[in-house]
């Protein structure tokens, strides 16, 4: 789509978010253990929120992202990059 619509000055990007904490998730009874597993899956050791996703969307909609098109922005705290530790002092 980015290729097809670039000449019309239409930018096309995609978001790939991880599961994030929302009040709806919390009200459904997510256990503290499940939330802890989410935090540990992130390389940043934090649990994402809907705000994290929304702010990434806002960035791509802004003039600061005017030269970005045809991209997938993964918003997951690095969870999809997780692999063996590279340093002895890492968590």
PDB file of N, CA and C in Angstrom:
ATOM      1  N   UNK A   1       0.820  -1.195   0.000  1.00  0.00           N
ATOM      2  CA  UNK A   1       0.000   0.000   0.000  1.00  0.00           C
ATOM      3  C   UNK A   1       0.861   1.254   0.000  1.00  0.00           C
ATOM      4  N   UNK A   2       1.986   1.224   0.728  1.00  0.00           N
ATOM      5  CA  UNK A   2       2.860   2.397   0.741  1.00  0.00           C
ATOM      6  C   UNK A   2       3.375   2.686  -0.665  1.00  0.00           C
ATOM      7  N   UNK A   3       3.717   1.638  -1.401  1.00  0.00           N
ATOM      8  CA  UNK A   3       4.190   1.814  -2.777  1.00  0.00           C
ATOM      9  C   UNK A   3       3.078   2.382  -3.660  1.00  0.00           C
ATOM     10  N   UNK A   4       1.889   1.875  -3.477  1.00  0.00           N
ATOM     11  CA  UNK A   4       0.764   2.305  -4.312  1.00  0.00           C
ATOM     12  C   UNK A   4       0.327   3.735  -4.034  1.00  0.00           C
ATOM     13  N   UNK A   5       0.492   4.218  -2.804  1.00  0.00           N
ATOM     14  CA  UNK A   5      -0.075   5.523  -2.442  1.00  0.00           C
ATOM     15  C   UNK A   5       0.959   6.601  -2.112  1.00  0.00           C
ATOM     16  N   UNK A   6       2.230   6.267  -2.208  1.00  0.00           N
ATOM     17  CA  UNK A   6       3.268   7.253  -1.909  1.00  0.00           C
ATOM     18  C   UNK A   6       3.191   8.504  -2.759  1.00  0.00           C
ATOM     19  N   UNK A   7       2.916   8.353  -4.039  1.00  0.00           N
ATOM     20  CA  UNK A   7       2.850   9.526  -4.932  1.00  0.00           C
ATOM     21  C   UNK A   7       1.678  10.444  -4.606  1.00  0.00           C
ATOM     22  N   UNK A   8       0.747   9.953  -3.815  1.00  0.00           N
ATOM     23  CA  UNK A   8      -0.372  10.790  -3.358  1.00  0.00           C
ATOM     24  C   UNK A   8      -0.059  11.406  -1.994  1.00  0.00           C
ATOM     25  N   UNK A   9       1.176  11.248  -1.536  1.00  0.00           N
ATOM     26  CA  UNK A   9       1.621  11.752  -0.230  1.00  0.00           C
ATOM     27  C   UNK A   9       0.863  11.082   0.917  1.00  0.00           C
ATOM     28  N   UNK A  10       0.469   9.835   0.686  1.00  0.00           N
ATOM     29  CA  UNK A  10      -0.196   9.059   1.735  1.00  0.00           C
ATOM     30  C   UNK A  10       0.828   8.098   2.313  1.00  0.00           C
ATOM     31  N   UNK A  11       1.060   8.229   3.603  1.00  0.00           N
ATOM     32  CA  UNK A  11       1.989   7.326   4.290  1.00  0.00           C
ATOM     33  C   UNK A  11       1.207   6.136   4.836  1.00  0.00           C
ATOM     34  N   UNK A  12       1.782   4.952   4.704  1.00  0.00           N
ATOM     35  CA  UNK A  12       1.136   3.731   5.172  1.00  0.00           C
ATOM     36  C   UNK A  12       2.108   3.011   6.096  1.00  0.00           C
ATOM     37  N   UNK A  13       1.709   2.838   7.336  1.00  0.00           N
ATOM     38  CA  UNK A  13       2.527   2.141   8.319  1.00  0.00           C
ATOM     39  C   UNK A  13       1.651   1.185   9.103  1.00  0.00           C
ATOM     40  N   UNK A  14       2.285   0.311   9.831  1.00  0.00           N
ATOM     41  CA  UNK A  14       1.576  -0.725  10.581  1.00  0.00           C
ATOM     42  C   UNK A  14       2.131  -0.777  12.001  1.00  0.00           C
ATOM     43  N   UNK A  15       1.285  -1.114  12.942  1.00  0.00           N
ATOM     44  CA  UNK A  15       1.708  -1.304  14.330  1.00  0.00           C
ATOM     45  C   UNK A  15       1.580  -2.762  14.703  1.00  0.00           C
ATOM     46  N   UNK A  16       2.553  -3.249  15.450  1.00  0.00           N
ATOM     47  CA  UNK A  16       2.529  -4.616  15.963  1.00  0.00           C
ATOM     48  C   UNK A  16       2.737  -4.540  17.479  1.00  0.00           C
ATOM     49  N   UNK A  17       1.657  -4.314  18.218  1.00  0.00           N
ATOM     50  CA  UNK A  17       1.794  -4.182  19.669  1.00  0.00           C
ATOM     51  C   UNK A  17       1.781  -5.541  20.363  1.00  0.00           C
ATOM     52  N   UNK A  18       2.398  -5.570  21.528  1.00  0.00           N
ATOM     53  CA  UNK A  18       2.290  -6.760  22.373  1.00  0.00           C
ATOM     54  C   UNK A  18       1.047  -6.593  23.248  1.00  0.00           C
ATOM     55  N   UNK A  19       0.651  -7.646  23.945  1.00  0.00           N
ATOM     56  CA  UNK A  19      -0.432  -7.459  24.920  1.00  0.00           C
ATOM     57  C   UNK A  19       0.004  -6.419  25.950  1.00  0.00           C
ATOM     58  N   UNK A  20      -0.893  -5.531  26.297  1.00  0.00           N
ATOM     59  CA  UNK A  20      -0.580  -4.467  27.254  1.00  0.00           C
ATOM     60  C   UNK A  20      -1.635  -4.423  28.355  1.00  0.00           C
ATOM     61  N   UNK A  21      -1.260  -3.779  29.446  1.00  0.00           N
ATOM     62  CA  UNK A  21      -2.175  -3.620  30.573  1.00  0.00           C
ATOM     63  C   UNK A  21      -3.212  -2.566  30.231  1.00  0.00           C
ATOM     64  N   UNK A  22      -4.466  -2.897  30.464  1.00  0.00           N
ATOM     65  CA  UNK A  22      -5.559  -1.936  30.347  1.00  0.00           C
ATOM     66  C   UNK A  22      -6.513  -2.182  31.514  1.00  0.00           C
ATOM     67  N   UNK A  23      -7.313  -1.209  31.887  1.00  0.00           N
ATOM     68  CA  UNK A  23      -8.288  -1.441  32.957  1.00  0.00           C
ATOM     69  C   UNK A  23      -9.208  -2.628  32.665  1.00  0.00           C
ATOM     70  N   UNK A  24      -9.537  -2.847  31.387  1.00  0.00           N
ATOM     71  CA  UNK A  24     -10.403  -3.963  31.042  1.00  0.00           C
ATOM     72  C   UNK A  24      -9.715  -5.298  31.370  1.00  0.00           C
ATOM     73  N   UNK A  25      -8.431  -5.394  31.098  1.00  0.00           N
ATOM     74  CA  UNK A  25      -7.685  -6.617  31.416  1.00  0.00           C
ATOM     75  C   UNK A  25      -7.682  -6.832  32.926  1.00  0.00           C
ATOM     76  N   UNK A  26      -7.420  -5.764  33.668  1.00  0.00           N
ATOM     77  CA  UNK A  26      -7.365  -5.865  35.119  1.00  0.00           C
ATOM     78  C   UNK A  26      -8.728  -6.261  35.684  1.00  0.00           C
ATOM     79  N   UNK A  27      -9.800  -5.685  35.164  1.00  0.00           N
ATOM     80  CA  UNK A  27     -11.136  -5.987  35.689  1.00  0.00           C
ATOM     81  C   UNK A  27     -11.560  -7.408  35.360  1.00  0.00           C
ATOM     82  N   UNK A  28     -10.956  -8.011  34.337  1.00  0.00           N
ATOM     83  CA  UNK A  28     -11.280  -9.397  33.978  1.00  0.00           C
ATOM     84  C   UNK A  28     -10.609 -10.397  34.905  1.00  0.00           C
ATOM     85  N   UNK A  29      -9.801  -9.907  35.822  1.00  0.00           N
ATOM     86  CA  UNK A  29      -9.210 -10.784  36.820  1.00  0.00           C
ATOM     87  C   UNK A  29      -7.841 -11.337  36.482  1.00  0.00           C
ATOM     88  N   UNK A  30      -7.037 -10.598  35.745  1.00  0.00           N
ATOM     89  CA  UNK A  30      -5.678 -11.054  35.456  1.00  0.00           C
ATOM     90  C   UNK A  30      -4.911 -11.163  36.767  1.00  0.00           C
ATOM     91  N   UNK A  31      -4.276 -12.282  36.978  1.00  0.00           N
ATOM     92  CA  UNK A  31      -3.562 -12.524  38.237  1.00  0.00           C
ATOM     93  C   UNK A  31      -2.268 -11.715  38.287  1.00  0.00           C
ATOM     94  N   UNK A  32      -1.821 -11.405  39.492  1.00  0.00           N
ATOM     95  CA  UNK A  32      -0.532 -10.723  39.637  1.00  0.00           C
ATOM     96  C   UNK A  32       0.613 -11.533  39.012  1.00  0.00           C
ATOM     97  N   UNK A  33       0.513 -12.849  39.055  1.00  0.00           N
ATOM     98  CA  UNK A  33       1.555 -13.696  38.463  1.00  0.00           C
ATOM     99  C   UNK A  33       1.599 -13.529  36.943  1.00  0.00           C
ATOM    100  N   UNK A  34       0.431 -13.452  36.331  1.00  0.00           N
ATOM    101  CA  UNK A  34       0.370 -13.263  34.881  1.00  0.00           C
ATOM    102  C   UNK A  34       0.935 -11.903  34.493  1.00  0.00           C
ATOM    103  N   UNK A  35       0.638 -10.894  35.283  1.00  0.00           N
ATOM    104  CA  UNK A  35       1.190  -9.563  35.010  1.00  0.00           C
ATOM    105  C   UNK A  35       2.696  -9.569  35.172  1.00  0.00           C
ATOM    106  N   UNK A  36       3.199 -10.281  36.148  1.00  0.00           N
ATOM    107  CA  UNK A  36       4.649 -10.380  36.367  1.00  0.00           C
ATOM    108  C   UNK A  36       5.318 -11.066  35.172  1.00  0.00           C
ATOM    109  N   UNK A  37       4.687 -12.100  34.625  1.00  0.00           N
ATOM    110  CA  UNK A  37       5.245 -12.779  33.446  1.00  0.00           C
ATOM    111  C   UNK A  37       5.320 -11.823  32.256  1.00  0.00           C
ATOM    112  N   UNK A  38       4.328 -10.979  32.107  1.00  0.00           N
ATOM    113  CA  UNK A  38       4.367  -9.973  31.034  1.00  0.00           C
ATOM    114  C   UNK A  38       5.552  -9.041  31.226  1.00  0.00           C
ATOM    115  N   UNK A  39       5.742  -8.581  32.450  1.00  0.00           N
ATOM    116  CA  UNK A  39       6.856  -7.673  32.720  1.00  0.00           C
ATOM    117  C   UNK A  39       8.185  -8.350  32.417  1.00  0.00           C
ATOM    118  N   UNK A  40       8.315  -9.594  32.798  1.00  0.00           N
ATOM    119  CA  UNK A  40       9.571 -10.308  32.580  1.00  0.00           C
ATOM    120  C   UNK A  40       9.822 -10.607  31.106  1.00  0.00           C
ATOM    121  N   UNK A  41       8.777 -10.658  30.298  1.00  0.00           N
ATOM    122  CA  UNK A  41       8.943 -10.898  28.865  1.00  0.00           C
ATOM    123  C   UNK A  41       9.535  -9.686  28.154  1.00  0.00           C
ATOM    124  N   UNK A  42       9.385  -8.521  28.744  1.00  0.00           N
ATOM    125  CA  UNK A  42       9.904  -7.292  28.162  1.00  0.00           C
ATOM    126  C   UNK A  42      11.384  -7.143  28.499  1.00  0.00           C
ATOM    127  N   UNK A  43      12.185  -6.758  27.521  1.00  0.00           N
ATOM    128  CA  UNK A  43      13.594  -6.488  27.803  1.00  0.00           C
ATOM    129  C   UNK A  43      13.759  -5.311  28.748  1.00  0.00           C
ATOM    130  N   UNK A  44      12.754  -4.461  28.814  1.00  0.00           N
ATOM    131  CA  UNK A  44      12.788  -3.298  29.701  1.00  0.00           C
ATOM    132  C   UNK A  44      12.272  -3.623  31.099  1.00  0.00           C
ATOM    133  N   UNK A  45      11.730  -4.816  31.272  1.00  0.00           N
ATOM    134  CA  UNK A  45      11.154  -5.296  32.533  1.00  0.00           C
ATOM    135  C   UNK A  45      10.032  -4.393  33.034  1.00  0.00           C
ATOM    136  N   UNK A  46       9.220  -3.930  32.101  1.00  0.00           N
ATOM    137  CA  UNK A  46       8.024  -3.176  32.450  1.00  0.00           C
ATOM    138  C   UNK A  46       6.859  -3.728  31.645  1.00  0.00           C
ATOM    139  N   UNK A  47       5.674  -3.482  32.121  1.00  0.00           N
ATOM    140  CA  UNK A  47       4.468  -3.884  31.400  1.00  0.00           C
ATOM    141  C   UNK A  47       3.962  -2.686  30.613  1.00  0.00           C
ATOM    142  N   UNK A  48       3.715  -2.879  29.335  1.00  0.00           N
ATOM    143  CA  UNK A  48       3.208  -1.791  28.510  1.00  0.00           C
ATOM    144  C   UNK A  48       1.764  -1.470  28.837  1.00  0.00           C
ATOM    145  N   UNK A  49       1.356  -0.285  28.424  1.00  0.00           N
ATOM    146  CA  UNK A  49      -0.022   0.154  28.620  1.00  0.00           C
ATOM    147  C   UNK A  49      -0.594   0.625  27.286  1.00  0.00           C
ATOM    148  N   UNK A  50      -1.870   0.855  27.280  1.00  0.00           N
ATOM    149  CA  UNK A  50      -2.497   1.420  26.098  1.00  0.00           C
ATOM    150  C   UNK A  50      -1.886   2.761  25.713  1.00  0.00           C
ATOM    151  N   UNK A  51      -1.417   3.509  26.691  1.00  0.00           N
ATOM    152  CA  UNK A  51      -0.765   4.797  26.417  1.00  0.00           C
ATOM    153  C   UNK A  51       0.501   4.599  25.585  1.00  0.00           C
ATOM    154  N   UNK A  52       1.250   3.535  25.867  1.00  0.00           N
ATOM    155  CA  UNK A  52       2.463   3.280  25.087  1.00  0.00           C
ATOM    156  C   UNK A  52       2.133   3.083  23.617  1.00  0.00           C
ATOM    157  N   UNK A  53       1.070   2.365  23.354  1.00  0.00           N
ATOM    158  CA  UNK A  53       0.652   2.137  21.967  1.00  0.00           C
ATOM    159  C   UNK A  53       0.143   3.442  21.353  1.00  0.00           C
ATOM    160  N   UNK A  54      -0.709   4.148  22.086  1.00  0.00           N
ATOM    161  CA  UNK A  54      -1.271   5.400  21.587  1.00  0.00           C
ATOM    162  C   UNK A  54      -0.221   6.448  21.285  1.00  0.00           C
ATOM    163  N   UNK A  55       0.800   6.539  22.121  1.00  0.00           N
ATOM    164  CA  UNK A  55       1.862   7.523  21.885  1.00  0.00           C
ATOM    165  C   UNK A  55       2.686   7.164  20.655  1.00  0.00           C
ATOM    166  N   UNK A  56       2.882   5.876  20.405  1.00  0.00           N
ATOM    167  CA  UNK A  56       3.583   5.460  19.184  1.00  0.00           C
ATOM    168  C   UNK A  56       2.753   5.818  17.949  1.00  0.00           C
ATOM    169  N   UNK A  57       1.450   5.592  18.034  1.00  0.00           N
ATOM    170  CA  UNK A  57       0.558   5.970  16.933  1.00  0.00           C
ATOM    171  C   UNK A  57       0.614   7.478  16.719  1.00  0.00           C
ATOM    172  N   UNK A  58       0.563   8.230  17.801  1.00  0.00           N
ATOM    173  CA  UNK A  58       0.612   9.694  17.686  1.00  0.00           C
ATOM    174  C   UNK A  58       1.901  10.150  17.016  1.00  0.00           C
ATOM    175  N   UNK A  59       3.020   9.485  17.357  1.00  0.00           N
ATOM    176  CA  UNK A  59       4.282   9.839  16.717  1.00  0.00           C
ATOM    177  C   UNK A  59       4.195   9.637  15.203  1.00  0.00           C
ATOM    178  N   UNK A  60       3.719   8.471  14.768  1.00  0.00           N
ATOM    179  CA  UNK A  60       3.675   8.218  13.333  1.00  0.00           C
ATOM    180  C   UNK A  60       2.680   9.124  12.606  1.00  0.00           C
ATOM    181  N   UNK A  61       1.720   9.660  13.323  1.00  0.00           N
ATOM    182  CA  UNK A  61       0.781  10.610  12.714  1.00  0.00           C
ATOM    183  C   UNK A  61       1.339  12.035  12.670  1.00  0.00           C
ATOM    184  N   UNK A  62       2.434  12.264  13.391  1.00  0.00           N
ATOM    185  CA  UNK A  62       2.964  13.623  13.517  1.00  0.00           C
ATOM    186  C   UNK A  62       3.849  14.006  12.337  1.00  0.00           C
ATOM    187  N   UNK A  63       4.140  15.296  12.249  1.00  0.00           N
ATOM    188  CA  UNK A  63       5.041  15.802  11.223  1.00  0.00           C
ATOM    189  C   UNK A  63       6.463  15.280  11.411  1.00  0.00           C
ATOM    190  N   UNK A  64       6.823  14.907  12.630  1.00  0.00           N
ATOM    191  CA  UNK A  64       8.154  14.359  12.885  1.00  0.00           C
ATOM    192  C   UNK A  64       8.374  13.044  12.140  1.00  0.00           C
ATOM    193  N   UNK A  65       7.311  12.368  11.779  1.00  0.00           N
ATOM    194  CA  UNK A  65       7.402  11.091  11.068  1.00  0.00           C
ATOM    195  C   UNK A  65       7.062  11.247   9.586  1.00  0.00           C
ATOM    196  N   UNK A  66       7.187  12.430   9.063  1.00  0.00           N
ATOM    197  CA  UNK A  66       6.749  12.719   7.697  1.00  0.00           C
ATOM    198  C   UNK A  66       7.493  11.930   6.634  1.00  0.00           C
ATOM    199  N   UNK A  67       8.672  11.394   6.960  1.00  0.00           N
ATOM    200  CA  UNK A  67       9.492  10.672   5.983  1.00  0.00           C
ATOM    201  C   UNK A  67       9.474   9.171   6.254  1.00  0.00           C
ATOM    202  N   UNK A  68       8.530   8.716   7.049  1.00  0.00           N
ATOM    203  CA  UNK A  68       8.424   7.294   7.387  1.00  0.00           C
ATOM    204  C   UNK A  68       7.183   6.729   6.710  1.00  0.00           C
ATOM    205  N   UNK A  69       7.389   5.698   5.907  1.00  0.00           N
ATOM    206  CA  UNK A  69       6.273   4.998   5.278  1.00  0.00           C
ATOM    207  C   UNK A  69       6.694   3.566   4.966  1.00  0.00           C
ATOM    208  N   UNK A  70       5.729   2.690   4.908  1.00  0.00           N
ATOM    209  CA  UNK A  70       5.994   1.293   4.576  1.00  0.00           C
ATOM    210  C   UNK A  70       6.656   0.509   5.692  1.00  0.00           C
ATOM    211  N   UNK A  71       6.468   0.944   6.930  1.00  0.00           N
ATOM    212  CA  UNK A  71       7.140   0.312   8.057  1.00  0.00           C
ATOM    213  C   UNK A  71       6.153  -0.357   9.004  1.00  0.00           C
ATOM    214  N   UNK A  72       6.656  -1.358   9.709  1.00  0.00           N
ATOM    215  CA  UNK A  72       5.913  -1.959  10.812  1.00  0.00           C
ATOM    216  C   UNK A  72       6.635  -1.558  12.087  1.00  0.00           C
ATOM    217  N   UNK A  73       5.945  -0.869  12.971  1.00  0.00           N
ATOM    218  CA  UNK A  73       6.517  -0.444  14.236  1.00  0.00           C
ATOM    219  C   UNK A  73       6.091  -1.434  15.313  1.00  0.00           C
ATOM    220  N   UNK A  74       7.053  -2.171  15.808  1.00  0.00           N
ATOM    221  CA  UNK A  74       6.791  -3.146  16.862  1.00  0.00           C
ATOM    222  C   UNK A  74       6.875  -2.409  18.195  1.00  0.00           C
ATOM    223  N   UNK A  75       5.789  -2.417  18.948  1.00  0.00           N
ATOM    224  CA  UNK A  75       5.718  -1.722  20.234  1.00  0.00           C
ATOM    225  C   UNK A  75       5.494  -2.796  21.292  1.00  0.00           C
ATOM    226  N   UNK A  76       6.598  -3.382  21.759  1.00  0.00           N
ATOM    227  CA  UNK A  76       6.483  -4.524  22.666  1.00  0.00           C
ATOM    228  C   UNK A  76       7.547  -4.565  23.761  1.00  0.00           C
ATOM    229  N   UNK A  77       8.231  -3.457  24.000  1.00  0.00           N
ATOM    230  CA  UNK A  77       9.247  -3.444  25.045  1.00  0.00           C
ATOM    231  C   UNK A  77      10.420  -4.370  24.751  1.00  0.00           C
ATOM    232  N   UNK A  78      10.570  -4.751  23.498  1.00  0.00           N
ATOM    233  CA  UNK A  78      11.661  -5.638  23.109  1.00  0.00           C
ATOM    234  C   UNK A  78      11.373  -7.114  23.303  1.00  0.00           C
ATOM    235  N   UNK A  79      10.127  -7.466  23.623  1.00  0.00           N
ATOM    236  CA  UNK A  79       9.795  -8.867  23.906  1.00  0.00           C
ATOM    237  C   UNK A  79      10.108  -9.787  22.732  1.00  0.00           C
ATOM    238  N   UNK A  80       9.910  -9.319  21.505  1.00  0.00           N
ATOM    239  CA  UNK A  80      10.177 -10.188  20.355  1.00  0.00           C
ATOM    240  C   UNK A  80      11.667 -10.313  20.062  1.00  0.00           C
ATOM    241  N   UNK A  81      12.488  -9.526  20.729  1.00  0.00           N
ATOM    242  CA  UNK A  81      13.937  -9.602  20.558  1.00  0.00           C
ATOM    243  C   UNK A  81      14.592 -10.472  21.610  1.00  0.00           C
ATOM    244  N   UNK A  82      13.822 -10.921  22.580  1.00  0.00           N
ATOM    245  CA  UNK A  82      14.393 -11.649  23.715  1.00  0.00           C
ATOM    246  C   UNK A  82      15.147 -12.881  23.247  1.00  0.00           C
ATOM    247  N   UNK A  83      16.298 -13.047  23.805  1.00  0.00           N
ATOM    248  CA  UNK A  83      17.131 -14.201  23.517  1.00  0.00           C
ATOM    249  C   UNK A  83      18.068 -14.416  24.691  1.00  0.00           C
ATOM    250  N   UNK A  84      19.108 -15.209  24.492  1.00  0.00           N
ATOM    251  CA  UNK A  84      20.062 -15.440  25.585  1.00  0.00           C
ATOM    252  C   UNK A  84      20.707 -14.135  26.037  1.00  0.00           C
ATOM    253  N   UNK A  85      21.000 -14.051  27.293  1.00  0.00           N
ATOM    254  CA  UNK A  85      21.633 -12.867  27.859  1.00  0.00           C
ATOM    255  C   UNK A  85      22.990 -12.626  27.206  1.00  0.00           C
ATOM    256  N   UNK A  86      23.328 -11.357  26.978  1.00  0.00           N
ATOM    257  CA  UNK A  86      24.610 -11.014  26.374  1.00  0.00           C
ATOM    258  C   UNK A  86      25.624 -10.520  27.380  1.00  0.00           C
ATOM    259  N   UNK A  87      25.185 -10.216  28.585  1.00  0.00           N
ATOM    260  CA  UNK A  87      26.127  -9.743  29.581  1.00  0.00           C
ATOM    261  C   UNK A  87      25.879 -10.463  30.915  1.00  0.00           C
ATOM    262  N   UNK A  88      26.928 -10.682  31.671  1.00  0.00           N
ATOM    263  CA  UNK A  88      26.762 -11.432  32.920  1.00  0.00           C
ATOM    264  C   UNK A  88      25.930 -10.727  33.982  1.00  0.00           C
ATOM    265  N   UNK A  89      25.798  -9.400  33.894  1.00  0.00           N
ATOM    266  CA  UNK A  89      25.050  -8.662  34.911  1.00  0.00           C
ATOM    267  C   UNK A  89      23.616  -8.377  34.526  1.00  0.00           C
ATOM    268  N   UNK A  90      23.162  -8.900  33.385  1.00  0.00           N
ATOM    269  CA  UNK A  90      21.773  -8.645  32.986  1.00  0.00           C
ATOM    270  C   UNK A  90      20.828  -9.487  33.813  1.00  0.00           C
ATOM    271  N   UNK A  91      19.563  -9.063  33.815  1.00  0.00           N
ATOM    272  CA  UNK A  91      18.570  -9.748  34.636  1.00  0.00           C
ATOM    273  C   UNK A  91      18.366 -11.098  34.085  1.00  0.00           C
TER     274      UNK A  91
END
